[in-house]
Amino acid sequence: MIMDVPFYDADSMKIVWHGNYIKYLEVARCDLLSKIGYTYLDMMDEGIAYPVATMELKYIKPAKFGQKLRIVSEITEYEPALYIKYEIFDNETGEKLFKAKSMQMCIDAKTGESIYSAPKKFIEKLEEYA
């Protein structure tokens, strides 16, 4: 996924505020799920949710206003939880700026109770995508 760093994400020194990287990860995660064919809307239709339980972030070099970023995201595991790794690169130079991992638990949307297996439809879409 390619994105431009917007003006409103940067401080007066044109540096992206650290908290905005989490927003970029969410955009990349939604893009990945869309490519797989199983979005948050599909999850809601099945009565489940995948809230973020943990995140691990590593800032390597700051992104700046106007910079084109390439965000690579990949599902590394989906049971008993959804693990995704992310890397953000400068799109022109290929230099790595940031990396992260997230872990999301599948839960019953009504009760909030954990579900330790991925929905069948999600597994089917992951297998088709691979």
N, C-alpha and C. Protein backbone atom coordinates (compact mmCIF):
# COMPACT_ATOMS: atom_id res chain seq x y z
N MET A 1 0.85 -1.16 0.00
CA MET A 1 0.00 0.00 0.00
C MET A 1 0.90 1.23 0.00
N ILE A 2 0.58 2.21 -0.83
CA ILE A 2 1.33 3.46 -0.92
C ILE A 2 0.46 4.59 -0.38
N MET A 3 1.07 5.47 0.41
CA MET A 3 0.33 6.64 0.91
C MET A 3 1.28 7.83 1.04
N ASP A 4 0.73 9.02 0.90
CA ASP A 4 1.47 10.25 1.14
C ASP A 4 1.25 10.68 2.58
N VAL A 5 2.30 11.18 3.22
CA VAL A 5 2.14 11.71 4.58
C VAL A 5 1.39 13.04 4.46
N PRO A 6 0.20 13.14 5.05
CA PRO A 6 -0.58 14.38 4.96
C PRO A 6 -0.04 15.47 5.90
N PHE A 7 -0.31 16.70 5.56
CA PHE A 7 0.13 17.87 6.32
C PHE A 7 -0.30 17.79 7.78
N TYR A 8 -1.54 17.38 8.02
CA TYR A 8 -2.08 17.39 9.38
C TYR A 8 -1.48 16.31 10.29
N ASP A 9 -0.67 15.41 9.74
CA ASP A 9 -0.02 14.39 10.56
C ASP A 9 1.37 14.81 11.05
N ALA A 10 1.84 15.96 10.58
CA ALA A 10 3.20 16.39 10.88
C ALA A 10 3.21 17.57 11.85
N ASP A 11 4.32 17.69 12.59
CA ASP A 11 4.49 18.82 13.50
C ASP A 11 5.14 20.00 12.75
N SER A 12 5.53 21.02 13.46
CA SER A 12 6.09 22.22 12.83
C SER A 12 7.45 21.95 12.18
N MET A 13 8.08 20.84 12.49
CA MET A 13 9.36 20.47 11.88
C MET A 13 9.15 19.50 10.70
N LYS A 14 7.90 19.32 10.31
CA LYS A 14 7.49 18.43 9.21
C LYS A 14 7.67 16.94 9.54
N ILE A 15 7.82 16.61 10.82
CA ILE A 15 8.01 15.23 11.26
C ILE A 15 6.66 14.65 11.68
N VAL A 16 6.40 13.41 11.27
CA VAL A 16 5.15 12.73 11.65
C VAL A 16 5.16 12.48 13.16
N TRP A 17 4.08 12.89 13.81
CA TRP A 17 3.91 12.63 15.24
C TRP A 17 3.82 11.11 15.44
N HIS A 18 4.50 10.61 16.48
CA HIS A 18 4.63 9.17 16.68
C HIS A 18 3.29 8.43 16.75
N GLY A 19 2.27 9.04 17.31
CA GLY A 19 0.97 8.38 17.43
C GLY A 19 0.28 8.12 16.10
N ASN A 20 0.65 8.88 15.07
CA ASN A 20 0.01 8.69 13.77
C ASN A 20 0.42 7.40 13.08
N TYR A 21 1.54 6.81 13.50
CA TYR A 21 1.94 5.54 12.90
C TYR A 21 0.89 4.46 13.18
N ILE A 22 0.27 4.51 14.33
CA ILE A 22 -0.78 3.53 14.65
C ILE A 22 -1.95 3.69 13.69
N LYS A 23 -2.27 4.93 13.33
CA LYS A 23 -3.31 5.17 12.34
C LYS A 23 -2.91 4.57 10.99
N TYR A 24 -1.65 4.72 10.61
CA TYR A 24 -1.17 4.15 9.35
C TYR A 24 -1.29 2.63 9.36
N LEU A 25 -1.02 2.02 10.51
CA LEU A 25 -1.15 0.57 10.62
C LEU A 25 -2.60 0.14 10.43
N GLU A 26 -3.52 0.92 10.99
CA GLU A 26 -4.94 0.60 10.84
C GLU A 26 -5.37 0.69 9.38
N VAL A 27 -4.89 1.71 8.69
CA VAL A 27 -5.21 1.87 7.26
C VAL A 27 -4.65 0.67 6.49
N ALA A 28 -3.41 0.28 6.81
CA ALA A 28 -2.80 -0.87 6.14
C ALA A 28 -3.54 -2.16 6.46
N ARG A 29 -3.97 -2.31 7.71
CA ARG A 29 -4.70 -3.51 8.13
C ARG A 29 -6.03 -3.60 7.37
N CYS A 30 -6.75 -2.50 7.26
CA CYS A 30 -8.02 -2.49 6.52
C CYS A 30 -7.78 -2.80 5.04
N ASP A 31 -6.70 -2.26 4.49
CA ASP A 31 -6.35 -2.54 3.09
C ASP A 31 -6.06 -4.03 2.90
N LEU A 32 -5.30 -4.61 3.82
CA LEU A 32 -4.98 -6.04 3.75
C LEU A 32 -6.24 -6.90 3.84
N LEU A 33 -7.09 -6.60 4.81
CA LEU A 33 -8.33 -7.36 4.96
C LEU A 33 -9.22 -7.24 3.72
N SER A 34 -9.23 -6.06 3.12
CA SER A 34 -10.01 -5.86 1.89
C SER A 34 -9.45 -6.72 0.75
N LYS A 35 -8.13 -6.77 0.63
CA LYS A 35 -7.51 -7.59 -0.41
C LYS A 35 -7.80 -9.07 -0.18
N ILE A 36 -7.84 -9.48 1.08
CA ILE A 36 -8.16 -10.87 1.42
C ILE A 36 -9.62 -11.17 1.12
N GLY A 37 -10.47 -10.15 1.25
CA GLY A 37 -11.90 -10.34 1.00
C GLY A 37 -12.69 -10.62 2.26
N TYR A 38 -12.14 -10.21 3.40
CA TYR A 38 -12.82 -10.41 4.68
C TYR A 38 -12.56 -9.17 5.54
N THR A 39 -13.48 -8.21 5.46
CA THR A 39 -13.31 -6.91 6.10
C THR A 39 -13.93 -6.87 7.49
N TYR A 40 -13.74 -5.75 8.16
CA TYR A 40 -14.39 -5.55 9.47
C TYR A 40 -15.91 -5.63 9.34
N LEU A 41 -16.46 -5.19 8.23
CA LEU A 41 -17.91 -5.29 8.02
C LEU A 41 -18.34 -6.76 7.93
N ASP A 42 -17.54 -7.59 7.28
CA ASP A 42 -17.84 -9.03 7.23
C ASP A 42 -17.81 -9.63 8.63
N MET A 43 -16.83 -9.20 9.43
CA MET A 43 -16.75 -9.69 10.80
C MET A 43 -18.01 -9.32 11.58
N MET A 44 -18.42 -8.06 11.44
CA MET A 44 -19.62 -7.60 12.15
C MET A 44 -20.84 -8.39 11.73
N ASP A 45 -20.93 -8.70 10.43
CA ASP A 45 -22.05 -9.50 9.94
C ASP A 45 -22.08 -10.89 10.57
N GLU A 46 -20.91 -11.42 10.93
CA GLU A 46 -20.82 -12.74 11.56
C GLU A 46 -20.89 -12.66 13.08
N GLY A 47 -21.02 -11.45 13.61
CA GLY A 47 -21.16 -11.30 15.06
C GLY A 47 -19.85 -11.41 15.83
N ILE A 48 -18.74 -11.14 15.14
CA ILE A 48 -17.44 -11.19 15.81
C ILE A 48 -16.71 -9.86 15.65
N ALA A 49 -15.66 -9.71 16.40
CA ALA A 49 -14.79 -8.54 16.28
C ALA A 49 -13.37 -9.01 16.56
N TYR A 50 -12.42 -8.23 16.13
CA TYR A 50 -11.00 -8.51 16.36
C TYR A 50 -10.32 -7.28 16.96
N PRO A 51 -10.59 -6.94 18.22
CA PRO A 51 -9.93 -5.79 18.82
C PRO A 51 -8.43 -6.04 19.02
N VAL A 52 -7.67 -4.96 18.92
CA VAL A 52 -6.23 -5.05 19.15
C VAL A 52 -5.98 -5.33 20.62
N ALA A 53 -5.16 -6.34 20.91
CA ALA A 53 -4.81 -6.69 22.29
C ALA A 53 -3.41 -6.20 22.63
N THR A 54 -2.47 -6.33 21.68
CA THR A 54 -1.11 -5.86 21.91
C THR A 54 -0.54 -5.28 20.62
N MET A 55 0.41 -4.35 20.80
CA MET A 55 1.16 -3.81 19.67
C MET A 55 2.62 -3.65 20.10
N GLU A 56 3.49 -3.92 19.18
CA GLU A 56 4.92 -3.72 19.38
C GLU A 56 5.39 -2.79 18.27
N LEU A 57 5.97 -1.65 18.64
CA LEU A 57 6.35 -0.63 17.67
C LEU A 57 7.84 -0.35 17.73
N LYS A 58 8.45 -0.17 16.57
CA LYS A 58 9.88 0.17 16.50
C LYS A 58 10.03 1.33 15.51
N TYR A 59 10.38 2.50 16.05
CA TYR A 59 10.63 3.69 15.22
C TYR A 59 12.09 3.67 14.81
N ILE A 60 12.34 3.68 13.51
CA ILE A 60 13.71 3.59 13.00
C ILE A 60 14.20 4.95 12.51
N LYS A 61 13.39 5.60 11.70
CA LYS A 61 13.73 6.92 11.16
C LYS A 61 12.41 7.66 10.92
N PRO A 62 12.35 8.96 11.20
CA PRO A 62 11.07 9.65 11.09
C PRO A 62 10.57 9.81 9.65
N ALA A 63 9.26 9.67 9.50
CA ALA A 63 8.60 10.02 8.25
C ALA A 63 8.30 11.51 8.29
N LYS A 64 8.21 12.12 7.10
CA LYS A 64 8.03 13.57 7.02
C LYS A 64 6.88 13.93 6.10
N PHE A 65 6.34 15.12 6.33
CA PHE A 65 5.25 15.64 5.50
C PHE A 65 5.65 15.58 4.02
N GLY A 66 4.74 15.06 3.19
CA GLY A 66 4.96 14.98 1.76
C GLY A 66 5.68 13.73 1.29
N GLN A 67 6.21 12.97 2.22
CA GLN A 67 6.94 11.75 1.86
C GLN A 67 5.95 10.67 1.42
N LYS A 68 6.33 9.91 0.40
CA LYS A 68 5.52 8.76 -0.02
C LYS A 68 6.00 7.55 0.75
N LEU A 69 5.05 6.90 1.41
CA LEU A 69 5.35 5.72 2.21
C LEU A 69 4.80 4.47 1.55
N ARG A 70 5.55 3.39 1.65
CA ARG A 70 5.06 2.07 1.23
C ARG A 70 4.90 1.27 2.51
N ILE A 71 3.67 0.81 2.74
CA ILE A 71 3.38 0.05 3.95
C ILE A 71 3.09 -1.39 3.55
N VAL A 72 3.88 -2.30 4.12
CA VAL A 72 3.73 -3.72 3.83
C VAL A 72 3.16 -4.37 5.09
N SER A 73 2.07 -5.10 4.93
CA SER A 73 1.47 -5.80 6.07
C SER A 73 1.25 -7.26 5.69
N GLU A 74 1.39 -8.13 6.69
CA GLU A 74 1.28 -9.56 6.43
C GLU A 74 0.74 -10.27 7.67
N ILE A 75 -0.23 -11.14 7.46
CA ILE A 75 -0.74 -11.97 8.55
C ILE A 75 0.24 -13.11 8.74
N THR A 76 0.74 -13.24 9.97
CA THR A 76 1.70 -14.30 10.26
C THR A 76 1.06 -15.49 10.96
N GLU A 77 -0.04 -15.25 11.70
CA GLU A 77 -0.82 -16.31 12.34
C GLU A 77 -2.27 -15.83 12.44
N TYR A 78 -3.20 -16.78 12.48
CA TYR A 78 -4.60 -16.37 12.66
C TYR A 78 -5.32 -17.18 13.73
N GLU A 79 -4.66 -18.15 14.31
CA GLU A 79 -5.23 -18.88 15.45
C GLU A 79 -4.14 -19.16 16.47
N PRO A 80 -4.37 -18.97 17.72
CA PRO A 80 -5.61 -18.63 18.40
C PRO A 80 -5.94 -17.15 18.34
N ALA A 81 -5.04 -16.32 17.76
CA ALA A 81 -5.29 -14.89 17.61
C ALA A 81 -4.73 -14.46 16.26
N LEU A 82 -5.08 -13.24 15.85
CA LEU A 82 -4.63 -12.70 14.58
C LEU A 82 -3.35 -11.89 14.81
N TYR A 83 -2.24 -12.33 14.22
CA TYR A 83 -0.96 -11.64 14.33
C TYR A 83 -0.62 -11.05 12.96
N ILE A 84 -0.31 -9.75 12.96
CA ILE A 84 0.05 -9.07 11.72
C ILE A 84 1.37 -8.34 11.95
N LYS A 85 2.27 -8.44 10.97
CA LYS A 85 3.50 -7.66 11.03
C LYS A 85 3.43 -6.59 9.94
N TYR A 86 4.05 -5.45 10.23
CA TYR A 86 4.02 -4.29 9.35
C TYR A 86 5.43 -3.74 9.19
N GLU A 87 5.69 -3.18 8.02
CA GLU A 87 6.91 -2.44 7.78
C GLU A 87 6.55 -1.22 6.94
N ILE A 88 7.14 -0.08 7.30
CA ILE A 88 6.93 1.15 6.55
C ILE A 88 8.26 1.57 5.95
N PHE A 89 8.25 1.81 4.64
CA PHE A 89 9.44 2.20 3.89
C PHE A 89 9.23 3.53 3.20
N ASP A 90 10.32 4.25 2.95
CA ASP A 90 10.27 5.37 2.03
C ASP A 90 10.07 4.76 0.65
N ASN A 91 9.03 5.17 -0.06
CA ASN A 91 8.70 4.53 -1.33
C ASN A 91 9.77 4.77 -2.39
N GLU A 92 10.45 5.90 -2.34
CA GLU A 92 11.46 6.20 -3.37
C GLU A 92 12.80 5.53 -3.10
N THR A 93 13.27 5.55 -1.86
CA THR A 93 14.60 5.02 -1.54
C THR A 93 14.57 3.58 -1.07
N GLY A 94 13.42 3.12 -0.58
CA GLY A 94 13.31 1.78 -0.02
C GLY A 94 13.80 1.69 1.41
N GLU A 95 14.22 2.82 1.98
CA GLU A 95 14.73 2.82 3.35
C GLU A 95 13.62 2.48 4.34
N LYS A 96 13.91 1.57 5.28
CA LYS A 96 12.92 1.18 6.29
C LYS A 96 12.86 2.27 7.36
N LEU A 97 11.63 2.73 7.65
CA LEU A 97 11.42 3.79 8.63
C LEU A 97 10.82 3.29 9.94
N PHE A 98 10.07 2.19 9.87
CA PHE A 98 9.27 1.78 11.02
C PHE A 98 8.89 0.32 10.84
N LYS A 99 8.75 -0.40 11.96
CA LYS A 99 8.20 -1.75 11.89
C LYS A 99 7.35 -1.98 13.12
N ALA A 100 6.40 -2.90 13.00
CA ALA A 100 5.46 -3.15 14.09
C ALA A 100 4.87 -4.54 13.97
N LYS A 101 4.26 -4.96 15.08
CA LYS A 101 3.49 -6.20 15.13
C LYS A 101 2.23 -5.90 15.93
N SER A 102 1.14 -6.51 15.55
CA SER A 102 -0.08 -6.40 16.35
C SER A 102 -0.66 -7.79 16.58
N MET A 103 -1.36 -7.91 17.70
CA MET A 103 -2.07 -9.14 18.02
C MET A 103 -3.51 -8.74 18.33
N GLN A 104 -4.44 -9.38 17.65
CA GLN A 104 -5.85 -9.10 17.84
C GLN A 104 -6.57 -10.40 18.21
N MET A 105 -7.42 -10.30 19.21
CA MET A 105 -8.19 -11.45 19.67
C MET A 105 -9.55 -11.47 18.98
N CYS A 106 -9.96 -12.64 18.55
CA CYS A 106 -11.31 -12.81 18.03
C CYS A 106 -12.25 -12.90 19.23
N ILE A 107 -13.30 -12.07 19.20
CA ILE A 107 -14.27 -12.10 20.29
C ILE A 107 -15.69 -12.15 19.74
N ASP A 108 -16.59 -12.64 20.57
CA ASP A 108 -18.02 -12.58 20.27
C ASP A 108 -18.43 -11.13 20.47
N ALA A 109 -18.98 -10.52 19.44
CA ALA A 109 -19.31 -9.09 19.49
C ALA A 109 -20.37 -8.76 20.53
N LYS A 110 -21.24 -9.70 20.85
CA LYS A 110 -22.29 -9.44 21.84
C LYS A 110 -21.81 -9.63 23.27
N THR A 111 -21.08 -10.71 23.51
CA THR A 111 -20.70 -11.03 24.88
C THR A 111 -19.30 -10.52 25.25
N GLY A 112 -18.47 -10.26 24.23
CA GLY A 112 -17.10 -9.84 24.49
C GLY A 112 -16.18 -10.99 24.88
N GLU A 113 -16.69 -12.21 24.84
CA GLU A 113 -15.89 -13.37 25.21
C GLU A 113 -14.95 -13.77 24.08
N SER A 114 -13.76 -14.21 24.45
CA SER A 114 -12.75 -14.63 23.47
C SER A 114 -13.19 -15.88 22.74
N ILE A 115 -12.83 -15.92 21.46
CA ILE A 115 -13.04 -17.10 20.61
C ILE A 115 -11.64 -17.48 20.13
N TYR A 116 -11.23 -18.69 20.35
CA TYR A 116 -9.86 -19.09 20.08
C TYR A 116 -9.66 -19.78 18.73
N SER A 117 -10.65 -19.66 17.86
CA SER A 117 -10.49 -20.17 16.51
C SER A 117 -11.03 -19.11 15.54
N ALA A 118 -10.42 -19.05 14.38
CA ALA A 118 -10.84 -18.08 13.37
C ALA A 118 -12.13 -18.55 12.71
N PRO A 119 -12.98 -17.62 12.31
CA PRO A 119 -14.20 -18.01 11.60
C PRO A 119 -13.88 -18.75 10.30
N LYS A 120 -14.71 -19.72 9.97
CA LYS A 120 -14.50 -20.55 8.79
C LYS A 120 -14.37 -19.69 7.53
N LYS A 121 -15.22 -18.70 7.39
CA LYS A 121 -15.19 -17.83 6.20
C LYS A 121 -13.85 -17.10 6.10
N PHE A 122 -13.31 -16.65 7.23
CA PHE A 122 -12.03 -15.96 7.25
C PHE A 122 -10.91 -16.90 6.81
N ILE A 123 -10.91 -18.12 7.33
CA ILE A 123 -9.89 -19.12 6.95
C ILE A 123 -9.96 -19.40 5.46
N GLU A 124 -11.17 -19.55 4.92
CA GLU A 124 -11.34 -19.81 3.48
C GLU A 124 -10.76 -18.66 2.66
N LYS A 125 -11.05 -17.42 3.08
CA LYS A 125 -10.54 -16.25 2.35
C LYS A 125 -9.02 -16.16 2.45
N LEU A 126 -8.45 -16.49 3.60
CA LEU A 126 -6.99 -16.48 3.76
C LEU A 126 -6.35 -17.52 2.84
N GLU A 127 -6.95 -18.70 2.74
CA GLU A 127 -6.40 -19.75 1.89
C GLU A 127 -6.48 -19.36 0.41
N GLU A 128 -7.57 -18.69 0.01
CA GLU A 128 -7.70 -18.22 -1.36
C GLU A 128 -6.67 -17.14 -1.66
N TYR A 129 -6.43 -16.26 -0.70
CA TYR A 129 -5.49 -15.14 -0.86
C TYR A 129 -4.06 -15.63 -0.98
N ALA A 130 -3.73 -16.68 -0.22
CA ALA A 130 -2.35 -17.20 -0.23
C ALA A 130 -2.09 -17.85 -1.55
